[in-house]
Amino acid sequence: MAFNRGFLYAGASNIVFALSKIPDNANNSRLMQYLFEEIILHEQTDYAVALRDAKLRLIEEQVDIESFSWALLGIIGC
């Protein structure tokens, strides 16, 4: 939380964070792509809902992604 708190003090309104190291691969980047699509294209203003929808989309597509890769992601902010 200390690292995330620095961003909040600096003025960030929302922070997507991981509880541990996540491998940098195509499936994990797809999750971030889906997250940004929810926020930008679908104009989702509730970022927690956008993250949940992005995770559900990966599950629905049956993408070969380890659950520890996306389950450890969270969001702090408004």
PDB file of N, CA and C in Angstrom:
ATOM      1  N   MET A   1       0.814  -1.188   0.000  1.00  0.00           N
ATOM      2  CA  MET A   1       0.000   0.000   0.000  1.00  0.00           C
ATOM      3  C   MET A   1       0.861   1.257   0.000  1.00  0.00           C
ATOM      4  N   ALA A   2       2.045   1.208   0.546  1.00  0.00           N
ATOM      5  CA  ALA A   2       2.884   2.398   0.636  1.00  0.00           C
ATOM      6  C   ALA A   2       3.244   2.933  -0.749  1.00  0.00           C
ATOM      7  N   PHE A   3       3.543   2.060  -1.682  1.00  0.00           N
ATOM      8  CA  PHE A   3       3.892   2.483  -3.043  1.00  0.00           C
ATOM      9  C   PHE A   3       2.682   3.109  -3.727  1.00  0.00           C
ATOM     10  N   ASN A   4       1.529   2.487  -3.582  1.00  0.00           N
ATOM     11  CA  ASN A   4       0.299   3.020  -4.173  1.00  0.00           C
ATOM     12  C   ASN A   4      -0.087   4.358  -3.549  1.00  0.00           C
ATOM     13  N   ARG A   5       0.154   4.509  -2.278  1.00  0.00           N
ATOM     14  CA  ARG A   5      -0.204   5.742  -1.578  1.00  0.00           C
ATOM     15  C   ARG A   5       0.544   6.938  -2.159  1.00  0.00           C
ATOM     16  N   GLY A   6       1.762   6.721  -2.592  1.00  0.00           N
ATOM     17  CA  GLY A   6       2.535   7.800  -3.205  1.00  0.00           C
ATOM     18  C   GLY A   6       1.861   8.339  -4.456  1.00  0.00           C
ATOM     19  N   PHE A   7       1.309   7.449  -5.261  1.00  0.00           N
ATOM     20  CA  PHE A   7       0.590   7.889  -6.445  1.00  0.00           C
ATOM     21  C   PHE A   7      -0.679   8.644  -6.083  1.00  0.00           C
ATOM     22  N   LEU A   8      -1.371   8.190  -5.050  1.00  0.00           N
ATOM     23  CA  LEU A   8      -2.579   8.883  -4.608  1.00  0.00           C
ATOM     24  C   LEU A   8      -2.249  10.283  -4.100  1.00  0.00           C
ATOM     25  N   TYR A   9      -1.166  10.411  -3.327  1.00  0.00           N
ATOM     26  CA  TYR A   9      -0.751  11.723  -2.838  1.00  0.00           C
ATOM     27  C   TYR A   9      -0.327  12.632  -3.982  1.00  0.00           C
ATOM     28  N   ALA A  10       0.193  12.031  -5.067  1.00  0.00           N
ATOM     29  CA  ALA A  10       0.636  12.819  -6.225  1.00  0.00           C
ATOM     30  C   ALA A  10      -0.537  13.263  -7.090  1.00  0.00           C
ATOM     31  N   GLY A  11      -1.740  12.761  -6.801  1.00  0.00           N
ATOM     32  CA  GLY A  11      -2.902  13.227  -7.522  1.00  0.00           C
ATOM     33  C   GLY A  11      -3.592  12.203  -8.396  1.00  0.00           C
ATOM     34  N   ALA A  12      -3.103  10.967  -8.444  1.00  0.00           N
ATOM     35  CA  ALA A  12      -3.771   9.935  -9.245  1.00  0.00           C
ATOM     36  C   ALA A  12      -5.118   9.620  -8.604  1.00  0.00           C
ATOM     37  N   SER A  13      -6.148   9.515  -9.442  1.00  0.00           N
ATOM     38  CA  SER A  13      -7.468   9.234  -8.889  1.00  0.00           C
ATOM     39  C   SER A  13      -7.765   7.738  -8.824  1.00  0.00           C
ATOM     40  N   ASN A  14      -7.113   6.955  -9.687  1.00  0.00           N
ATOM     41  CA  ASN A  14      -7.300   5.501  -9.713  1.00  0.00           C
ATOM     42  C   ASN A  14      -5.970   4.823 -10.001  1.00  0.00           C
ATOM     43  N   ILE A  15      -5.762   3.704  -9.345  1.00  0.00           N
ATOM     44  CA  ILE A  15      -4.529   2.943  -9.541  1.00  0.00           C
ATOM     45  C   ILE A  15      -4.896   1.472  -9.694  1.00  0.00           C
ATOM     46  N   VAL A  16      -4.474   0.871 -10.801  1.00  0.00           N
ATOM     47  CA  VAL A  16      -4.588  -0.572 -10.973  1.00  0.00           C
ATOM     48  C   VAL A  16      -3.275  -1.152 -10.478  1.00  0.00           C
ATOM     49  N   PHE A  17      -3.348  -2.109  -9.571  1.00  0.00           N
ATOM     50  CA  PHE A  17      -2.137  -2.656  -8.973  1.00  0.00           C
ATOM     51  C   PHE A  17      -2.214  -4.174  -8.916  1.00  0.00           C
ATOM     52  N   ALA A  18      -1.065  -4.779  -8.758  1.00  0.00           N
ATOM     53  CA  ALA A  18      -0.971  -6.226  -8.602  1.00  0.00           C
ATOM     54  C   ALA A  18      -0.412  -6.521  -7.216  1.00  0.00           C
ATOM     55  N   LEU A  19      -0.931  -7.556  -6.596  1.00  0.00           N
ATOM     56  CA  LEU A  19      -0.467  -7.932  -5.266  1.00  0.00           C
ATOM     57  C   LEU A  19       0.881  -8.643  -5.299  1.00  0.00           C
ATOM     58  N   SER A  20       1.272  -9.145  -6.458  1.00  0.00           N
ATOM     59  CA  SER A  20       2.585  -9.747  -6.630  1.00  0.00           C
ATOM     60  C   SER A  20       2.983  -9.608  -8.090  1.00  0.00           C
ATOM     61  N   LYS A  21       4.163 -10.083  -8.425  1.00  0.00           N
ATOM     62  CA  LYS A  21       4.664  -9.966  -9.789  1.00  0.00           C
ATOM     63  C   LYS A  21       3.796 -10.791 -10.736  1.00  0.00           C
ATOM     64  N   ILE A  22       3.438 -10.206 -11.875  1.00  0.00           N
ATOM     65  CA  ILE A  22       2.616 -10.868 -12.880  1.00  0.00           C
ATOM     66  C   ILE A  22       3.452 -11.021 -14.142  1.00  0.00           C
ATOM     67  N   PRO A  23       3.461 -12.221 -14.736  1.00  0.00           N
ATOM     68  CA  PRO A  23       4.243 -12.418 -15.958  1.00  0.00           C
ATOM     69  C   PRO A  23       3.782 -11.485 -17.081  1.00  0.00           C
ATOM     70  N   ASP A  24       4.734 -10.992 -17.846  1.00  0.00           N
ATOM     71  CA  ASP A  24       4.423 -10.120 -18.966  1.00  0.00           C
ATOM     72  C   ASP A  24       4.253 -10.982 -20.209  1.00  0.00           C
ATOM     73  N   ASN A  25       3.000 -11.329 -20.527  1.00  0.00           N
ATOM     74  CA  ASN A  25       2.733 -12.127 -21.718  1.00  0.00           C
ATOM     75  C   ASN A  25       1.505 -11.589 -22.431  1.00  0.00           C
ATOM     76  N   ALA A  26       1.168 -12.194 -23.551  1.00  0.00           N
ATOM     77  CA  ALA A  26       0.077 -11.689 -24.391  1.00  0.00           C
ATOM     78  C   ALA A  26      -1.265 -11.726 -23.672  1.00  0.00           C
ATOM     79  N   ASN A  27      -1.525 -12.754 -22.879  1.00  0.00           N
ATOM     80  CA  ASN A  27      -2.819 -12.856 -22.202  1.00  0.00           C
ATOM     81  C   ASN A  27      -2.994 -11.776 -21.143  1.00  0.00           C
ATOM     82  N   ASN A  28      -1.933 -11.464 -20.435  1.00  0.00           N
ATOM     83  CA  ASN A  28      -2.032 -10.413 -19.432  1.00  0.00           C
ATOM     84  C   ASN A  28      -2.183  -9.048 -20.094  1.00  0.00           C
ATOM     85  N   SER A  29      -1.529  -8.850 -21.219  1.00  0.00           N
ATOM     86  CA  SER A  29      -1.719  -7.585 -21.932  1.00  0.00           C
ATOM     87  C   SER A  29      -3.132  -7.508 -22.504  1.00  0.00           C
ATOM     88  N   ARG A  30      -3.718  -8.642 -22.845  1.00  0.00           N
ATOM     89  CA  ARG A  30      -5.095  -8.663 -23.318  1.00  0.00           C
ATOM     90  C   ARG A  30      -6.044  -8.198 -22.220  1.00  0.00           C
ATOM     91  N   LEU A  31      -5.778  -8.585 -20.987  1.00  0.00           N
ATOM     92  CA  LEU A  31      -6.599  -8.127 -19.870  1.00  0.00           C
ATOM     93  C   LEU A  31      -6.558  -6.612 -19.770  1.00  0.00           C
ATOM     94  N   MET A  32      -5.384  -6.026 -19.882  1.00  0.00           N
ATOM     95  CA  MET A  32      -5.278  -4.575 -19.810  1.00  0.00           C
ATOM     96  C   MET A  32      -5.968  -3.925 -21.000  1.00  0.00           C
ATOM     97  N   GLN A  33      -5.876  -4.549 -22.157  1.00  0.00           N
ATOM     98  CA  GLN A  33      -6.567  -4.032 -23.344  1.00  0.00           C
ATOM     99  C   GLN A  33      -8.072  -4.019 -23.097  1.00  0.00           C
ATOM    100  N   TYR A  34      -8.601  -5.103 -22.550  1.00  0.00           N
ATOM    101  CA  TYR A  34     -10.027  -5.178 -22.255  1.00  0.00           C
ATOM    102  C   TYR A  34     -10.427  -4.131 -21.215  1.00  0.00           C
ATOM    103  N   LEU A  35      -9.580  -3.929 -20.227  1.00  0.00           N
ATOM    104  CA  LEU A  35      -9.863  -2.929 -19.199  1.00  0.00           C
ATOM    105  C   LEU A  35      -9.987  -1.545 -19.824  1.00  0.00           C
ATOM    106  N   PHE A  36      -9.033  -1.185 -20.670  1.00  0.00           N
ATOM    107  CA  PHE A  36      -9.074   0.135 -21.291  1.00  0.00           C
ATOM    108  C   PHE A  36     -10.230   0.252 -22.279  1.00  0.00           C
ATOM    109  N   GLU A  37     -10.606  -0.843 -22.925  1.00  0.00           N
ATOM    110  CA  GLU A  37     -11.773  -0.814 -23.798  1.00  0.00           C
ATOM    111  C   GLU A  37     -13.036  -0.532 -22.991  1.00  0.00           C
ATOM    112  N   GLU A  38     -13.146  -1.146 -21.822  1.00  0.00           N
ATOM    113  CA  GLU A  38     -14.305  -0.898 -20.966  1.00  0.00           C
ATOM    114  C   GLU A  38     -14.369   0.566 -20.551  1.00  0.00           C
ATOM    115  N   ILE A  39     -13.230   1.125 -20.223  1.00  0.00           N
ATOM    116  CA  ILE A  39     -13.191   2.504 -19.738  1.00  0.00           C
ATOM    117  C   ILE A  39     -13.404   3.497 -20.880  1.00  0.00           C
ATOM    118  N   ILE A  40     -12.714   3.298 -21.998  1.00  0.00           N
ATOM    119  CA  ILE A  40     -12.744   4.282 -23.075  1.00  0.00           C
ATOM    120  C   ILE A  40     -13.906   4.046 -24.040  1.00  0.00           C
ATOM    121  N   LEU A  41     -14.016   2.838 -24.580  1.00  0.00           N
ATOM    122  CA  LEU A  41     -15.029   2.584 -25.599  1.00  0.00           C
ATOM    123  C   LEU A  41     -16.440   2.486 -25.020  1.00  0.00           C
ATOM    124  N   HIS A  42     -16.556   1.814 -23.886  1.00  0.00           N
ATOM    125  CA  HIS A  42     -17.880   1.643 -23.291  1.00  0.00           C
ATOM    126  C   HIS A  42     -18.199   2.731 -22.273  1.00  0.00           C
ATOM    127  N   GLU A  43     -17.255   3.654 -22.115  1.00  0.00           N
ATOM    128  CA  GLU A  43     -17.418   4.800 -21.219  1.00  0.00           C
ATOM    129  C   GLU A  43     -17.823   4.390 -19.804  1.00  0.00           C
ATOM    130  N   GLN A  44     -17.222   3.322 -19.326  1.00  0.00           N
ATOM    131  CA  GLN A  44     -17.473   2.837 -17.966  1.00  0.00           C
ATOM    132  C   GLN A  44     -16.744   3.764 -16.997  1.00  0.00           C
ATOM    133  N   THR A  45     -17.465   4.418 -16.124  1.00  0.00           N
ATOM    134  CA  THR A  45     -16.841   5.339 -15.185  1.00  0.00           C
ATOM    135  C   THR A  45     -16.532   4.697 -13.843  1.00  0.00           C
ATOM    136  N   ASP A  46     -17.106   3.544 -13.578  1.00  0.00           N
ATOM    137  CA  ASP A  46     -16.789   2.802 -12.364  1.00  0.00           C
ATOM    138  C   ASP A  46     -15.663   1.829 -12.710  1.00  0.00           C
ATOM    139  N   TYR A  47     -14.453   2.180 -12.312  1.00  0.00           N
ATOM    140  CA  TYR A  47     -13.286   1.423 -12.745  1.00  0.00           C
ATOM    141  C   TYR A  47     -13.226   0.028 -12.146  1.00  0.00           C
ATOM    142  N   ALA A  48     -13.782  -0.152 -10.961  1.00  0.00           N
ATOM    143  CA  ALA A  48     -13.836  -1.489 -10.373  1.00  0.00           C
ATOM    144  C   ALA A  48     -14.730  -2.395 -11.216  1.00  0.00           C
ATOM    145  N   VAL A  49     -15.840  -1.864 -11.695  1.00  0.00           N
ATOM    146  CA  VAL A  49     -16.737  -2.629 -12.557  1.00  0.00           C
ATOM    147  C   VAL A  49     -16.047  -2.913 -13.893  1.00  0.00           C
ATOM    148  N   ALA A  50     -15.312  -1.945 -14.410  1.00  0.00           N
ATOM    149  CA  ALA A  50     -14.589  -2.141 -15.663  1.00  0.00           C
ATOM    150  C   ALA A  50     -13.553  -3.257 -15.530  1.00  0.00           C
ATOM    151  N   LEU A  51     -12.842  -3.293 -14.403  1.00  0.00           N
ATOM    152  CA  LEU A  51     -11.857  -4.357 -14.179  1.00  0.00           C
ATOM    153  C   LEU A  51     -12.554  -5.707 -14.058  1.00  0.00           C
ATOM    154  N   ARG A  52     -13.661  -5.746 -13.337  1.00  0.00           N
ATOM    155  CA  ARG A  52     -14.420  -6.995 -13.217  1.00  0.00           C
ATOM    156  C   ARG A  52     -14.907  -7.472 -14.580  1.00  0.00           C
ATOM    157  N   ASP A  53     -15.442  -6.564 -15.388  1.00  0.00           N
ATOM    158  CA  ASP A  53     -15.937  -6.924 -16.717  1.00  0.00           C
ATOM    159  C   ASP A  53     -14.810  -7.429 -17.617  1.00  0.00           C
ATOM    160  N   ALA A  54     -13.642  -6.824 -17.504  1.00  0.00           N
ATOM    161  CA  ALA A  54     -12.499  -7.279 -18.295  1.00  0.00           C
ATOM    162  C   ALA A  54     -12.085  -8.691 -17.888  1.00  0.00           C
ATOM    163  N   LYS A  55     -12.092  -8.973 -16.582  1.00  0.00           N
ATOM    164  CA  LYS A  55     -11.761 -10.316 -16.099  1.00  0.00           C
ATOM    165  C   LYS A  55     -12.800 -11.332 -16.567  1.00  0.00           C
ATOM    166  N   LEU A  56     -14.074 -10.953 -16.487  1.00  0.00           N
ATOM    167  CA  LEU A  56     -15.141 -11.857 -16.939  1.00  0.00           C
ATOM    168  C   LEU A  56     -15.051 -12.127 -18.438  1.00  0.00           C
ATOM    169  N   ARG A  57     -14.655 -11.128 -19.188  1.00  0.00           N
ATOM    170  CA  ARG A  57     -14.501 -11.313 -20.634  1.00  0.00           C
ATOM    171  C   ARG A  57     -13.418 -12.343 -20.945  1.00  0.00           C
ATOM    172  N   LEU A  58     -12.323 -12.309 -20.194  1.00  0.00           N
ATOM    173  CA  LEU A  58     -11.268 -13.320 -20.372  1.00  0.00           C
ATOM    174  C   LEU A  58     -11.793 -14.711 -20.054  1.00  0.00           C
ATOM    175  N   ILE A  59     -12.553 -14.815 -18.988  1.00  0.00           N
ATOM    176  CA  ILE A  59     -13.110 -16.111 -18.599  1.00  0.00           C
ATOM    177  C   ILE A  59     -14.077 -16.612 -19.659  1.00  0.00           C
ATOM    178  N   GLU A  60     -14.949 -15.730 -20.155  1.00  0.00           N
ATOM    179  CA  GLU A  60     -15.930 -16.121 -21.167  1.00  0.00           C
ATOM    180  C   GLU A  60     -15.268 -16.576 -22.460  1.00  0.00           C
ATOM    181  N   GLU A  61     -14.169 -15.947 -22.814  1.00  0.00           N
ATOM    182  CA  GLU A  61     -13.461 -16.321 -24.036  1.00  0.00           C
ATOM    183  C   GLU A  61     -12.604 -17.565 -23.844  1.00  0.00           C
ATOM    184  N   GLN A  62     -12.530 -18.041 -22.617  1.00  0.00           N
ATOM    185  CA  GLN A  62     -11.730 -19.211 -22.272  1.00  0.00           C
ATOM    186  C   GLN A  62     -10.287 -19.053 -22.730  1.00  0.00           C
ATOM    187  N   VAL A  63      -9.787 -17.869 -22.510  1.00  0.00           N
ATOM    188  CA  VAL A  63      -8.399 -17.580 -22.833  1.00  0.00           C
ATOM    189  C   VAL A  63      -7.520 -18.390 -21.893  1.00  0.00           C
ATOM    190  N   ASP A  64      -6.450 -18.933 -22.432  1.00  0.00           N
ATOM    191  CA  ASP A  64      -5.528 -19.739 -21.634  1.00  0.00           C
ATOM    192  C   ASP A  64      -4.681 -18.803 -20.769  1.00  0.00           C
ATOM    193  N   ILE A  65      -5.255 -18.400 -19.663  1.00  0.00           N
ATOM    194  CA  ILE A  65      -4.566 -17.497 -18.744  1.00  0.00           C
ATOM    195  C   ILE A  65      -4.664 -18.082 -17.341  1.00  0.00           C
ATOM    196  N   GLU A  66      -3.561 -18.072 -16.665  1.00  0.00           N
ATOM    197  CA  GLU A  66      -3.541 -18.590 -15.299  1.00  0.00           C
ATOM    198  C   GLU A  66      -4.317 -17.641 -14.398  1.00  0.00           C
ATOM    199  N   SER A  67      -5.117 -18.196 -13.517  1.00  0.00           N
ATOM    200  CA  SER A  67      -5.951 -17.357 -12.656  1.00  0.00           C
ATOM    201  C   SER A  67      -5.113 -16.453 -11.761  1.00  0.00           C
ATOM    202  N   PHE A  68      -3.911 -16.877 -11.388  1.00  0.00           N
ATOM    203  CA  PHE A  68      -3.099 -16.028 -10.525  1.00  0.00           C
ATOM    204  C   PHE A  68      -2.670 -14.764 -11.253  1.00  0.00           C
ATOM    205  N   SER A  69      -2.701 -14.781 -12.574  1.00  0.00           N
ATOM    206  CA  SER A  69      -2.292 -13.608 -13.330  1.00  0.00           C
ATOM    207  C   SER A  69      -3.297 -12.469 -13.213  1.00  0.00           C
ATOM    208  N   TRP A  70      -4.576 -12.784 -13.242  1.00  0.00           N
ATOM    209  CA  TRP A  70      -5.572 -11.727 -13.199  1.00  0.00           C
ATOM    210  C   TRP A  70      -6.239 -11.608 -11.836  1.00  0.00           C
ATOM    211  N   ALA A  71      -6.209 -12.646 -11.049  1.00  0.00           N
ATOM    212  CA  ALA A  71      -6.886 -12.607  -9.754  1.00  0.00           C
ATOM    213  C   ALA A  71      -6.166 -11.683  -8.772  1.00  0.00           C
ATOM    214  N   LEU A  72      -4.900 -11.446  -8.988  1.00  0.00           N
ATOM    215  CA  LEU A  72      -4.134 -10.598  -8.092  1.00  0.00           C
ATOM    216  C   LEU A  72      -4.243  -9.113  -8.409  1.00  0.00           C
ATOM    217  N   LEU A  73      -4.942  -8.771  -9.497  1.00  0.00           N
ATOM    218  CA  LEU A  73      -5.104  -7.369  -9.854  1.00  0.00           C
ATOM    219  C   LEU A  73      -6.224  -6.739  -9.051  1.00  0.00           C
ATOM    220  N   GLY A  74      -5.997  -5.519  -8.634  1.00  0.00           N
ATOM    221  CA  GLY A  74      -7.017  -4.770  -7.907  1.00  0.00           C
ATOM    222  C   GLY A  74      -6.980  -3.326  -8.324  1.00  0.00           C
ATOM    223  N   ILE A  75      -7.887  -2.557  -7.797  1.00  0.00           N
ATOM    224  CA  ILE A  75      -7.953  -1.133  -8.114  1.00  0.00           C
ATOM    225  C   ILE A  75      -8.204  -0.334  -6.842  1.00  0.00           C
ATOM    226  N   ILE A  76      -7.545   0.800  -6.769  1.00  0.00           N
ATOM    227  CA  ILE A  76      -7.718   1.724  -5.647  1.00  0.00           C
ATOM    228  C   ILE A  76      -8.157   3.045  -6.245  1.00  0.00           C
ATOM    229  N   GLY A  77      -9.090   3.690  -5.628  1.00  0.00           N
ATOM    230  CA  GLY A  77      -9.480   5.024  -6.068  1.00  0.00           C
ATOM    231  C   GLY A  77     -10.975   5.213  -6.081  1.00  0.00           C
ATOM    232  N   CYS A  78     -11.376   6.177  -6.868  1.00  0.00           N
ATOM    233  CA  CYS A  78     -12.785   6.575  -6.949  1.00  0.00           C
ATOM    234  C   CYS A  78     -13.573   5.638  -7.806  1.00  0.00           C
TER     235      CYS A  78
END
